[in-house]
Amino acid sequence: MKTAFLFSGQGAQYQGMGQSLYGQEKIVRETFNEASEILDYDMAKLCFEENSQLNQTEYTQPAILTVSVAFQRLLAAEGFSADVVAGLSLGEYSALVASGALRFSSAVQLVSKRGKFMTVAAPPGMGKMVAVMNAPVDVIEKCCEQAQQFGIVSPANYNTPQQIVIGGESSAVDEAIRLLKEQGIKRMIPLNVSGPFHTKLLVPAAEKLEKELESVRFFEPVVPVISNTTAQVMNADQIKELLKKQVMSPVRFYESIETMKKLGVTRIIEVGPGKVLSGFVRKIDSSLEIARVEDAETFLQTKEFLAGGNE
């Protein structure tokens, strides 16, 4: 029986995330304090108190990373580890920390810069993202290809076989939607996101990130990490190139879950704020056992779940 940890991506943030475990667990407070010292602002205040910064990408990313790593460290302190790790977009950095491939101190600085680069490359209002529901993959890809005469548009997130997010410049996305409607696709949901991430609009961010990655030290992962970009296990010598590509390439989430299953994973723990990934996993394969760590209550439930599975 193998266990995978899945780490939350951007969009999962909310005021108060991590607060209950911060209040009762020293290791969580220490992780928050470490992030605060590195970034020179109060991470607990950012996550717990009402403010406008938490939804700004350059703050969102280190905040989610901090909460997720704090929870993973808490699980480790209780003797629980993963056989495989992955994350959705930003969550890939939490996965790399959990695998031993990247120090938390390096990761928190890196995602802060990544957030800034992404905001500059695709500022709010520049484009849009739309979730296309219950449509064949080839139809979505073909409609995006045909709409590219109006600008940049492509699949950005292959979340589940029934939900694929497209993103890009507004005019091109609108044309893709029109073409999809012509094909009889009825359900499409505009997403309230910071920008059209994981598209070619993020090429300038990827180039800046590449320069930052040059000075970051990565290590051989102790635990296999599934790449968003390839949906395969990352090799240590691929990490920098894959992180650069990840910013501007689609996230292959449901293929990543299939790779985990091939590696023998039968249960998945979502680590970090929210429960979006748990929902995706249920739609991908309802036979997988799922738990999550988001607060004091779910941490207790997950401890019992993991301990029971180890008996």
C-alpha atoms as a PDB file:
ATOM      1  CA  MET A   1       0.000   0.000   0.000  1.00  0.00           C
ATOM      2  CA  LYS A   2       1.623   3.235  -1.169  1.00  0.00           C
ATOM      3  CA  THR A   3       0.681   6.766  -0.151  1.00  0.00           C
ATOM      4  CA  ALA A   4       1.035   9.978  -2.165  1.00  0.00           C
ATOM      5  CA  PHE A   5       0.997  13.514  -0.816  1.00  0.00           C
ATOM      6  CA  LEU A   6      -0.595  16.109  -3.117  1.00  0.00           C
ATOM      7  CA  PHE A   7       0.105  19.790  -2.435  1.00  0.00           C
ATOM      8  CA  SER A   8      -2.309  22.694  -2.978  1.00  0.00           C
ATOM      9  CA  GLY A   9      -1.943  25.204  -5.804  1.00  0.00           C
ATOM     10  CA  GLN A  10      -2.743  28.884  -6.150  1.00  0.00           C
ATOM     11  CA  GLY A  11      -6.435  29.641  -5.732  1.00  0.00           C
ATOM     12  CA  ALA A  12      -6.714  27.509  -2.587  1.00  0.00           C
ATOM     13  CA  GLN A  13      -5.791  30.420  -0.309  1.00  0.00           C
ATOM     14  CA  TYR A  14      -8.205  31.907   2.203  1.00  0.00           C
ATOM     15  CA  GLN A  15      -7.995  34.141   5.263  1.00  0.00           C
ATOM     16  CA  GLY A  16      -7.298  31.987   8.313  1.00  0.00           C
ATOM     17  CA  MET A  17      -5.611  29.109   6.488  1.00  0.00           C
ATOM     18  CA  GLY A  18      -3.331  27.233   8.847  1.00  0.00           C
ATOM     19  CA  GLN A  19      -4.484  29.118  11.919  1.00  0.00           C
ATOM     20  CA  SER A  20      -5.834  26.254  14.027  1.00  0.00           C
ATOM     21  CA  LEU A  21      -2.682  24.146  13.621  1.00  0.00           C
ATOM     22  CA  TYR A  22      -0.487  27.222  14.081  1.00  0.00           C
ATOM     23  CA  GLY A  23      -2.149  27.705  17.448  1.00  0.00           C
ATOM     24  CA  GLN A  24      -1.515  24.177  18.670  1.00  0.00           C
ATOM     25  CA  GLU A  25       1.649  22.920  16.938  1.00  0.00           C
ATOM     26  CA  LYS A  26       5.149  24.321  17.516  1.00  0.00           C
ATOM     27  CA  ILE A  27       6.506  22.997  14.214  1.00  0.00           C
ATOM     28  CA  VAL A  28       3.852  24.949  12.289  1.00  0.00           C
ATOM     29  CA  ARG A  29       4.733  28.170  14.126  1.00  0.00           C
ATOM     30  CA  GLU A  30       8.425  27.571  13.443  1.00  0.00           C
ATOM     31  CA  THR A  31       7.764  27.160   9.724  1.00  0.00           C
ATOM     32  CA  PHE A  32       5.761  30.396   9.609  1.00  0.00           C
ATOM     33  CA  ASN A  33       8.521  32.205  11.528  1.00  0.00           C
ATOM     34  CA  GLU A  34      11.161  30.884   9.146  1.00  0.00           C
ATOM     35  CA  ALA A  35       9.201  32.241   6.163  1.00  0.00           C
ATOM     36  CA  SER A  36       8.702  35.596   7.913  1.00  0.00           C
ATOM     37  CA  GLU A  37      12.432  35.985   8.544  1.00  0.00           C
ATOM     38  CA  ILE A  38      13.335  35.143   4.942  1.00  0.00           C
ATOM     39  CA  LEU A  39      10.692  37.351   3.295  1.00  0.00           C
ATOM     40  CA  ASP A  40      10.812  40.175   5.846  1.00  0.00           C
ATOM     41  CA  TYR A  41       7.065  40.297   6.481  1.00  0.00           C
ATOM     42  CA  ASP A  42       4.778  38.579   8.983  1.00  0.00           C
ATOM     43  CA  MET A  43       3.507  35.370   7.377  1.00  0.00           C
ATOM     44  CA  ALA A  44       1.017  34.671  10.178  1.00  0.00           C
ATOM     45  CA  LYS A  45      -0.456  38.151   9.812  1.00  0.00           C
ATOM     46  CA  LEU A  46      -0.712  37.690   6.033  1.00  0.00           C
ATOM     47  CA  CYS A  47      -2.526  34.350   6.389  1.00  0.00           C
ATOM     48  CA  PHE A  48      -4.741  35.070   9.410  1.00  0.00           C
ATOM     49  CA  GLU A  49      -5.700  38.767   9.369  1.00  0.00           C
ATOM     50  CA  GLU A  50      -7.985  40.527   6.897  1.00  0.00           C
ATOM     51  CA  ASN A  51      -5.859  42.086   4.122  1.00  0.00           C
ATOM     52  CA  SER A  52      -5.745  42.615   0.366  1.00  0.00           C
ATOM     53  CA  GLN A  53      -2.305  41.070  -0.143  1.00  0.00           C
ATOM     54  CA  LEU A  54      -3.175  37.401   0.299  1.00  0.00           C
ATOM     55  CA  ASN A  55      -4.824  37.301  -3.140  1.00  0.00           C
ATOM     56  CA  GLN A  56      -1.888  39.043  -4.833  1.00  0.00           C
ATOM     57  CA  THR A  57       0.190  36.391  -6.593  1.00  0.00           C
ATOM     58  CA  GLU A  58       3.562  37.436  -5.156  1.00  0.00           C
ATOM     59  CA  TYR A  59       2.155  36.944  -1.624  1.00  0.00           C
ATOM     60  CA  THR A  60      -0.256  34.096  -2.372  1.00  0.00           C
ATOM     61  CA  GLN A  61       2.458  31.749  -3.545  1.00  0.00           C
ATOM     62  CA  PRO A  62       4.807  31.913  -0.518  1.00  0.00           C
ATOM     63  CA  ALA A  63       1.771  31.848   1.813  1.00  0.00           C
ATOM     64  CA  ILE A  64       0.399  28.595   0.360  1.00  0.00           C
ATOM     65  CA  LEU A  65       3.882  27.092   0.239  1.00  0.00           C
ATOM     66  CA  THR A  66       4.447  27.953   3.923  1.00  0.00           C
ATOM     67  CA  VAL A  67       1.116  26.466   5.048  1.00  0.00           C
ATOM     68  CA  SER A  68       1.643  23.327   2.964  1.00  0.00           C
ATOM     69  CA  VAL A  69       5.224  22.697   4.117  1.00  0.00           C
ATOM     70  CA  ALA A  70       4.229  23.357   7.737  1.00  0.00           C
ATOM     71  CA  PHE A  71       1.574  20.637   7.465  1.00  0.00           C
ATOM     72  CA  GLN A  72       3.966  18.230   5.745  1.00  0.00           C
ATOM     73  CA  ARG A  73       6.537  18.776   8.496  1.00  0.00           C
ATOM     74  CA  LEU A  74       3.836  18.083  11.052  1.00  0.00           C
ATOM     75  CA  LEU A  75       2.977  14.799   9.356  1.00  0.00           C
ATOM     76  CA  ALA A  76       6.689  13.894   9.249  1.00  0.00           C
ATOM     77  CA  ALA A  77       7.053  14.664  12.958  1.00  0.00           C
ATOM     78  CA  GLU A  78       4.215  12.191  13.610  1.00  0.00           C
ATOM     79  CA  GLY A  79       6.047   9.545  11.577  1.00  0.00           C
ATOM     80  CA  PHE A  80       4.007   9.804   8.365  1.00  0.00           C
ATOM     81  CA  SER A  81       5.755  10.087   5.015  1.00  0.00           C
ATOM     82  CA  ALA A  82       4.830   9.717   1.368  1.00  0.00           C
ATOM     83  CA  ASP A  83       6.020   7.192  -1.203  1.00  0.00           C
ATOM     84  CA  VAL A  84       5.329   9.681  -4.018  1.00  0.00           C
ATOM     85  CA  VAL A  85       4.654  13.446  -4.054  1.00  0.00           C
ATOM     86  CA  ALA A  86       3.191  15.964  -6.490  1.00  0.00           C
ATOM     87  CA  GLY A  87       1.484  19.331  -6.444  1.00  0.00           C
ATOM     88  CA  LEU A  88      -0.802  21.399  -8.627  1.00  0.00           C
ATOM     89  CA  SER A  89       1.238  24.178 -10.261  1.00  0.00           C
ATOM     90  CA  LEU A  90       2.643  26.153  -7.294  1.00  0.00           C
ATOM     91  CA  GLY A  91       2.155  22.984  -5.212  1.00  0.00           C
ATOM     92  CA  GLU A  92       5.005  21.391  -7.150  1.00  0.00           C
ATOM     93  CA  TYR A  93       7.413  23.519  -5.081  1.00  0.00           C
ATOM     94  CA  SER A  94       5.919  22.159  -1.844  1.00  0.00           C
ATOM     95  CA  ALA A  95       6.312  18.667  -3.304  1.00  0.00           C
ATOM     96  CA  LEU A  96       9.980  19.332  -4.089  1.00  0.00           C
ATOM     97  CA  VAL A  97      10.562  20.496  -0.496  1.00  0.00           C
ATOM     98  CA  ALA A  98       8.792  17.384   0.822  1.00  0.00           C
ATOM     99  CA  SER A  99      10.972  15.186  -1.423  1.00  0.00           C
ATOM    100  CA  GLY A 100      14.195  16.657  -0.085  1.00  0.00           C
ATOM    101  CA  ALA A 101      15.094  18.096  -3.511  1.00  0.00           C
ATOM    102  CA  LEU A 102      14.726  21.731  -2.425  1.00  0.00           C
ATOM    103  CA  ARG A 103      15.290  23.510   0.871  1.00  0.00           C
ATOM    104  CA  PHE A 104      12.267  25.381   2.235  1.00  0.00           C
ATOM    105  CA  SER A 105      14.377  28.540   2.626  1.00  0.00           C
ATOM    106  CA  SER A 106      15.219  28.437  -1.105  1.00  0.00           C
ATOM    107  CA  ALA A 107      11.667  27.541  -2.113  1.00  0.00           C
ATOM    108  CA  VAL A 108       9.994  30.400  -0.265  1.00  0.00           C
ATOM    109  CA  GLN A 109      12.318  32.976  -1.866  1.00  0.00           C
ATOM    110  CA  LEU A 110      11.893  31.368  -5.259  1.00  0.00           C
ATOM    111  CA  VAL A 111       8.086  31.321  -5.268  1.00  0.00           C
ATOM    112  CA  SER A 112       7.958  34.922  -4.053  1.00  0.00           C
ATOM    113  CA  LYS A 113       9.970  35.928  -7.125  1.00  0.00           C
ATOM    114  CA  ARG A 114       7.983  33.537  -9.327  1.00  0.00           C
ATOM    115  CA  GLY A 115       4.788  35.266  -8.205  1.00  0.00           C
ATOM    116  CA  LYS A 116       6.204  38.678  -9.126  1.00  0.00           C
ATOM    117  CA  PHE A 117       7.371  37.460 -12.536  1.00  0.00           C
ATOM    118  CA  MET A 118       3.955  35.929 -13.265  1.00  0.00           C
ATOM    119  CA  THR A 119       2.121  39.115 -12.266  1.00  0.00           C
ATOM    120  CA  VAL A 120       4.289  41.268 -14.553  1.00  0.00           C
ATOM    121  CA  ALA A 121       3.961  38.833 -17.477  1.00  0.00           C
ATOM    122  CA  ALA A 122       0.188  38.436 -17.116  1.00  0.00           C
ATOM    123  CA  PRO A 123      -1.251  41.279 -15.008  1.00  0.00           C
ATOM    124  CA  PRO A 124      -4.884  41.057 -13.823  1.00  0.00           C
ATOM    125  CA  GLY A 125      -7.275  41.759 -16.694  1.00  0.00           C
ATOM    126  CA  MET A 126      -4.805  40.764 -19.406  1.00  0.00           C
ATOM    127  CA  GLY A 127      -6.595  37.541 -20.297  1.00  0.00           C
ATOM    128  CA  LYS A 128      -8.977  34.936 -18.975  1.00  0.00           C
ATOM    129  CA  MET A 129      -9.364  31.280 -18.068  1.00  0.00           C
ATOM    130  CA  VAL A 130     -12.443  29.135 -18.602  1.00  0.00           C
ATOM    131  CA  ALA A 131     -13.185  25.615 -17.348  1.00  0.00           C
ATOM    132  CA  VAL A 132     -14.620  23.473 -20.150  1.00  0.00           C
ATOM    133  CA  MET A 133     -16.777  20.685 -18.759  1.00  0.00           C
ATOM    134  CA  ASN A 134     -17.570  17.266 -20.227  1.00  0.00           C
ATOM    135  CA  ALA A 135     -15.896  17.824 -23.595  1.00  0.00           C
ATOM    136  CA  PRO A 136     -13.536  15.484 -25.492  1.00  0.00           C
ATOM    137  CA  VAL A 137      -9.879  16.522 -25.171  1.00  0.00           C
ATOM    138  CA  ASP A 138      -9.291  16.486 -28.921  1.00  0.00           C
ATOM    139  CA  VAL A 139     -12.263  18.798 -29.514  1.00  0.00           C
ATOM    140  CA  ILE A 140     -10.978  21.311 -26.940  1.00  0.00           C
ATOM    141  CA  GLU A 141      -7.446  21.228 -28.351  1.00  0.00           C
ATOM    142  CA  LYS A 142      -8.683  21.633 -31.937  1.00  0.00           C
ATOM    143  CA  CYS A 143     -10.931  24.599 -31.050  1.00  0.00           C
ATOM    144  CA  CYS A 144      -8.029  26.298 -29.246  1.00  0.00           C
ATOM    145  CA  GLU A 145      -5.795  25.716 -32.252  1.00  0.00           C
ATOM    146  CA  GLN A 146      -8.351  27.233 -34.623  1.00  0.00           C
ATOM    147  CA  ALA A 147      -8.866  30.243 -32.318  1.00  0.00           C
ATOM    148  CA  GLN A 148      -5.171  31.106 -32.278  1.00  0.00           C
ATOM    149  CA  GLN A 149      -5.636  33.439 -35.244  1.00  0.00           C
ATOM    150  CA  PHE A 150      -7.238  35.758 -32.642  1.00  0.00           C
ATOM    151  CA  GLY A 151      -4.316  35.479 -30.203  1.00  0.00           C
ATOM    152  CA  ILE A 152      -2.864  33.115 -27.622  1.00  0.00           C
ATOM    153  CA  VAL A 153      -5.205  30.397 -26.298  1.00  0.00           C
ATOM    154  CA  SER A 154      -4.504  26.823 -25.222  1.00  0.00           C
ATOM    155  CA  PRO A 155      -5.399  24.210 -22.612  1.00  0.00           C
ATOM    156  CA  ALA A 156      -3.788  25.275 -19.320  1.00  0.00           C
ATOM    157  CA  ASN A 157      -4.960  22.647 -16.823  1.00  0.00           C
ATOM    158  CA  TYR A 158      -5.949  19.064 -17.571  1.00  0.00           C
ATOM    159  CA  ASN A 159      -7.617  18.720 -14.160  1.00  0.00           C
ATOM    160  CA  THR A 160      -9.866  15.720 -14.764  1.00  0.00           C
ATOM    161  CA  PRO A 161     -11.069  14.055 -17.973  1.00  0.00           C
ATOM    162  CA  GLN A 162     -14.323  15.989 -17.447  1.00  0.00           C
ATOM    163  CA  GLN A 163     -12.727  19.386 -16.636  1.00  0.00           C
ATOM    164  CA  ILE A 164     -10.084  21.031 -18.777  1.00  0.00           C
ATOM    165  CA  VAL A 165      -9.240  24.695 -18.290  1.00  0.00           C
ATOM    166  CA  ILE A 166      -8.306  26.824 -21.285  1.00  0.00           C
ATOM    167  CA  GLY A 167      -6.572  30.176 -20.980  1.00  0.00           C
ATOM    168  CA  GLY A 168      -5.032  33.014 -22.943  1.00  0.00           C
ATOM    169  CA  GLU A 169      -5.827  36.408 -24.408  1.00  0.00           C
ATOM    170  CA  SER A 170      -9.485  37.330 -23.973  1.00  0.00           C
ATOM    171  CA  SER A 171     -10.347  37.615 -27.672  1.00  0.00           C
ATOM    172  CA  ALA A 172      -8.818  34.227 -28.455  1.00  0.00           C
ATOM    173  CA  VAL A 173     -10.480  32.530 -25.477  1.00  0.00           C
ATOM    174  CA  ASP A 174     -13.831  33.998 -26.551  1.00  0.00           C
ATOM    175  CA  GLU A 175     -13.335  32.594 -30.059  1.00  0.00           C
ATOM    176  CA  ALA A 176     -12.445  29.162 -28.649  1.00  0.00           C
ATOM    177  CA  ILE A 177     -15.637  29.255 -26.564  1.00  0.00           C
ATOM    178  CA  ARG A 178     -17.670  30.154 -29.653  1.00  0.00           C
ATOM    179  CA  LEU A 179     -16.144  27.231 -31.558  1.00  0.00           C
ATOM    180  CA  LEU A 180     -16.774  24.855 -28.656  1.00  0.00           C
ATOM    181  CA  LYS A 181     -20.419  25.911 -28.550  1.00  0.00           C
ATOM    182  CA  GLU A 182     -20.644  25.140 -32.264  1.00  0.00           C
ATOM    183  CA  GLN A 183     -19.409  21.638 -31.403  1.00  0.00           C
ATOM    184  CA  GLY A 184     -22.270  21.224 -28.942  1.00  0.00           C
ATOM    185  CA  ILE A 185     -20.279  21.848 -25.755  1.00  0.00           C
ATOM    186  CA  LYS A 186     -22.716  23.439 -23.342  1.00  0.00           C
ATOM    187  CA  ARG A 187     -21.000  23.907 -19.977  1.00  0.00           C
ATOM    188  CA  MET A 188     -18.148  26.393 -19.692  1.00  0.00           C
ATOM    189  CA  ILE A 189     -17.332  28.244 -16.485  1.00  0.00           C
ATOM    190  CA  PRO A 190     -15.261  31.479 -16.401  1.00  0.00           C
ATOM    191  CA  LEU A 191     -12.718  31.307 -13.574  1.00  0.00           C
ATOM    192  CA  ASN A 192     -11.869  34.102 -11.158  1.00  0.00           C
ATOM    193  CA  VAL A 193      -8.085  33.845 -11.399  1.00  0.00           C
ATOM    194  CA  SER A 194      -5.155  36.255 -11.213  1.00  0.00           C
ATOM    195  CA  GLY A 195      -4.121  35.643 -14.806  1.00  0.00           C
ATOM    196  CA  PRO A 196      -4.011  33.152 -17.706  1.00  0.00           C
ATOM    197  CA  PHE A 197      -1.204  31.066 -16.215  1.00  0.00           C
ATOM    198  CA  HIS A 198       0.316  27.979 -17.902  1.00  0.00           C
ATOM    199  CA  THR A 199       0.025  29.532 -21.360  1.00  0.00           C
ATOM    200  CA  LYS A 200       2.516  31.172 -23.735  1.00  0.00           C
ATOM    201  CA  LEU A 201       1.644  34.537 -22.192  1.00  0.00           C
ATOM    202  CA  LEU A 202       3.943  33.456 -19.353  1.00  0.00           C
ATOM    203  CA  VAL A 203       7.052  33.043 -21.531  1.00  0.00           C
ATOM    204  CA  PRO A 204       8.635  36.266 -20.102  1.00  0.00           C
ATOM    205  CA  ALA A 205       8.058  34.939 -16.557  1.00  0.00           C
ATOM    206  CA  ALA A 206       9.630  31.599 -17.497  1.00  0.00           C
ATOM    207  CA  GLU A 207      12.719  33.365 -18.839  1.00  0.00           C
ATOM    208  CA  LYS A 208      13.157  35.406 -15.651  1.00  0.00           C
ATOM    209  CA  LEU A 209      12.568  32.328 -13.521  1.00  0.00           C
ATOM    210  CA  GLU A 210      15.220  30.450 -15.486  1.00  0.00           C
ATOM    211  CA  LYS A 211      17.815  33.037 -14.429  1.00  0.00           C
ATOM    212  CA  GLU A 212      16.776  32.760 -10.777  1.00  0.00           C
ATOM    213  CA  LEU A 213      16.932  28.958 -10.927  1.00  0.00           C
ATOM    214  CA  GLU A 214      20.589  29.109 -11.991  1.00  0.00           C
ATOM    215  CA  SER A 215      21.646  30.068  -8.460  1.00  0.00           C
ATOM    216  CA  VAL A 216      19.307  27.667  -6.603  1.00  0.00           C
ATOM    217  CA  ARG A 217      20.717  24.372  -5.371  1.00  0.00           C
ATOM    218  CA  PHE A 218      18.628  21.258  -5.907  1.00  0.00           C
ATOM    219  CA  PHE A 219      19.316  17.815  -4.465  1.00  0.00           C
ATOM    220  CA  GLU A 220      18.500  14.268  -5.488  1.00  0.00           C
ATOM    221  CA  PRO A 221      14.875  13.668  -4.420  1.00  0.00           C
ATOM    222  CA  VAL A 222      14.520  11.116  -1.615  1.00  0.00           C
ATOM    223  CA  VAL A 223      10.885  10.596  -2.652  1.00  0.00           C
ATOM    224  CA  PRO A 224       9.774  10.510  -6.322  1.00  0.00           C
ATOM    225  CA  VAL A 225       8.205  13.770  -7.546  1.00  0.00           C
ATOM    226  CA  ILE A 226       5.700  13.693 -10.411  1.00  0.00           C
ATOM    227  CA  SER A 227       6.164  16.626 -12.803  1.00  0.00           C
ATOM    228  CA  ASN A 228       3.140  18.748 -13.774  1.00  0.00           C
ATOM    229  CA  THR A 229       4.616  19.211 -17.235  1.00  0.00           C
ATOM    230  CA  THR A 230       5.413  15.604 -18.167  1.00  0.00           C
ATOM    231  CA  ALA A 231       3.212  13.685 -15.670  1.00  0.00           C
ATOM    232  CA  GLN A 232       6.298  11.516 -15.096  1.00  0.00           C
ATOM    233  CA  VAL A 233       8.836  11.196 -12.272  1.00  0.00           C
ATOM    234  CA  MET A 234      11.359  14.056 -12.328  1.00  0.00           C
ATOM    235  CA  ASN A 235      15.070  13.314 -12.463  1.00  0.00           C
ATOM    236  CA  ALA A 236      17.257  15.661 -10.413  1.00  0.00           C
ATOM    237  CA  ASP A 237      18.998  16.991 -13.527  1.00  0.00           C
ATOM    238  CA  GLN A 238      15.628  17.874 -15.101  1.00  0.00           C
ATOM    239  CA  ILE A 239      14.183  19.903 -12.218  1.00  0.00           C
ATOM    240  CA  LYS A 240      15.330  23.391 -13.246  1.00  0.00           C
ATOM    241  CA  GLU A 241      14.256  22.974 -16.863  1.00  0.00           C
ATOM    242  CA  LEU A 242      10.891  21.511 -15.843  1.00  0.00           C
ATOM    243  CA  LEU A 243      10.202  24.348 -13.378  1.00  0.00           C
ATOM    244  CA  LYS A 244      10.920  26.861 -16.121  1.00  0.00           C
ATOM    245  CA  LYS A 245       8.595  25.055 -18.553  1.00  0.00           C
ATOM    246  CA  GLN A 246       5.905  24.541 -15.910  1.00  0.00           C
ATOM    247  CA  VAL A 247       5.044  28.261 -15.730  1.00  0.00           C
ATOM    248  CA  MET A 248       4.085  28.393 -19.417  1.00  0.00           C
ATOM    249  CA  SER A 249       2.985  24.777 -20.038  1.00  0.00           C
ATOM    250  CA  PRO A 250      -0.271  22.985 -19.214  1.00  0.00           C
ATOM    251  CA  VAL A 251      -0.619  21.139 -15.898  1.00  0.00           C
ATOM    252  CA  ARG A 252      -1.249  17.449 -16.614  1.00  0.00           C
ATOM    253  CA  PHE A 253      -2.966  16.601 -13.354  1.00  0.00           C
ATOM    254  CA  TYR A 254      -5.102  13.596 -14.229  1.00  0.00           C
ATOM    255  CA  GLU A 255      -2.219  11.978 -16.108  1.00  0.00           C
ATOM    256  CA  SER A 256      -0.085  12.524 -12.979  1.00  0.00           C
ATOM    257  CA  ILE A 257      -2.638  10.602 -10.915  1.00  0.00           C
ATOM    258  CA  GLU A 258      -2.499   7.755 -13.447  1.00  0.00           C
ATOM    259  CA  THR A 259       1.304   7.709 -13.092  1.00  0.00           C
ATOM    260  CA  MET A 260       0.930   7.495  -9.300  1.00  0.00           C
ATOM    261  CA  LYS A 261      -1.395   4.516  -9.702  1.00  0.00           C
ATOM    262  CA  LYS A 262       1.163   2.774 -11.938  1.00  0.00           C
ATOM    263  CA  LEU A 263       3.703   3.306  -9.140  1.00  0.00           C
ATOM    264  CA  GLY A 264       1.371   1.464  -6.749  1.00  0.00           C
ATOM    265  CA  VAL A 265      -0.310   4.398  -4.993  1.00  0.00           C
ATOM    266  CA  THR A 266      -3.680   3.486  -3.489  1.00  0.00           C
ATOM    267  CA  ARG A 267      -4.223   6.385  -1.090  1.00  0.00           C
ATOM    268  CA  ILE A 268      -3.715  10.115  -1.436  1.00  0.00           C
ATOM    269  CA  ILE A 269      -3.363  12.852   1.179  1.00  0.00           C
ATOM    270  CA  GLU A 270      -4.071  16.430   0.092  1.00  0.00           C
ATOM    271  CA  VAL A 271      -1.727  18.676   2.081  1.00  0.00           C
ATOM    272  CA  GLY A 272      -2.442  22.404   2.304  1.00  0.00           C
ATOM    273  CA  PRO A 273      -5.413  24.753   2.192  1.00  0.00           C
ATOM    274  CA  GLY A 274      -8.648  23.738   0.499  1.00  0.00           C
ATOM    275  CA  LYS A 275      -9.985  20.466  -0.863  1.00  0.00           C
ATOM    276  CA  VAL A 276      -9.968  21.088  -4.609  1.00  0.00           C
ATOM    277  CA  LEU A 277      -7.434  18.337  -5.339  1.00  0.00           C
ATOM    278  CA  SER A 278      -9.411  15.779  -3.328  1.00  0.00           C
ATOM    279  CA  GLY A 279     -12.405  16.603  -5.511  1.00  0.00           C
ATOM    280  CA  PHE A 280     -10.366  16.156  -8.683  1.00  0.00           C
ATOM    281  CA  VAL A 281      -8.988  12.809  -7.503  1.00  0.00           C
ATOM    282  CA  ARG A 282     -12.492  11.488  -6.737  1.00  0.00           C
ATOM    283  CA  LYS A 283     -13.546  12.344 -10.293  1.00  0.00           C
ATOM    284  CA  ILE A 284     -10.421  10.775 -11.789  1.00  0.00           C
ATOM    285  CA  ASP A 285     -10.631   7.498  -9.842  1.00  0.00           C
ATOM    286  CA  SER A 286     -13.155   6.961  -7.053  1.00  0.00           C
ATOM    287  CA  SER A 287     -11.372   3.787  -5.915  1.00  0.00           C
ATOM    288  CA  LEU A 288      -8.437   5.776  -4.493  1.00  0.00           C
ATOM    289  CA  GLU A 289      -8.613   6.410  -0.755  1.00  0.00           C
ATOM    290  CA  ILE A 290      -8.401  10.120   0.059  1.00  0.00           C
ATOM    291  CA  ALA A 291      -7.775  12.216   3.157  1.00  0.00           C
ATOM    292  CA  ARG A 292      -6.453  15.720   3.696  1.00  0.00           C
ATOM    293  CA  VAL A 293      -4.644  17.993   6.146  1.00  0.00           C
ATOM    294  CA  GLU A 294      -6.063  21.509   6.211  1.00  0.00           C
ATOM    295  CA  ASP A 295      -6.743  22.241   9.878  1.00  0.00           C
ATOM    296  CA  ALA A 296      -6.680  20.652  13.350  1.00  0.00           C
ATOM    297  CA  GLU A 297      -9.780  18.533  12.662  1.00  0.00           C
ATOM    298  CA  THR A 298      -8.630  17.100   9.318  1.00  0.00           C
ATOM    299  CA  PHE A 299      -5.116  16.525  10.716  1.00  0.00           C
ATOM    300  CA  LEU A 300      -6.557  14.334  13.468  1.00  0.00           C
ATOM    301  CA  GLN A 301      -8.733  12.462  10.975  1.00  0.00           C
ATOM    302  CA  THR A 302      -5.790  11.899   8.642  1.00  0.00           C
ATOM    303  CA  LYS A 303      -3.553  10.665  11.460  1.00  0.00           C
ATOM    304  CA  GLU A 304      -6.190   8.050  12.271  1.00  0.00           C
ATOM    305  CA  PHE A 305      -6.613   7.195   8.602  1.00  0.00           C
ATOM    306  CA  LEU A 306      -2.864   6.726   8.045  1.00  0.00           C
ATOM    307  CA  ALA A 307      -2.310   4.849  11.299  1.00  0.00           C
ATOM    308  CA  GLY A 308      -5.193   2.510  10.489  1.00  0.00           C
ATOM    309  CA  GLY A 309      -3.735   1.779   7.080  1.00  0.00           C
ATOM    310  CA  ASN A 310      -0.371   0.925   8.586  1.00  0.00           C
ATOM    311  CA  GLU A 311      -1.676  -1.715  11.011  1.00  0.00           C
END
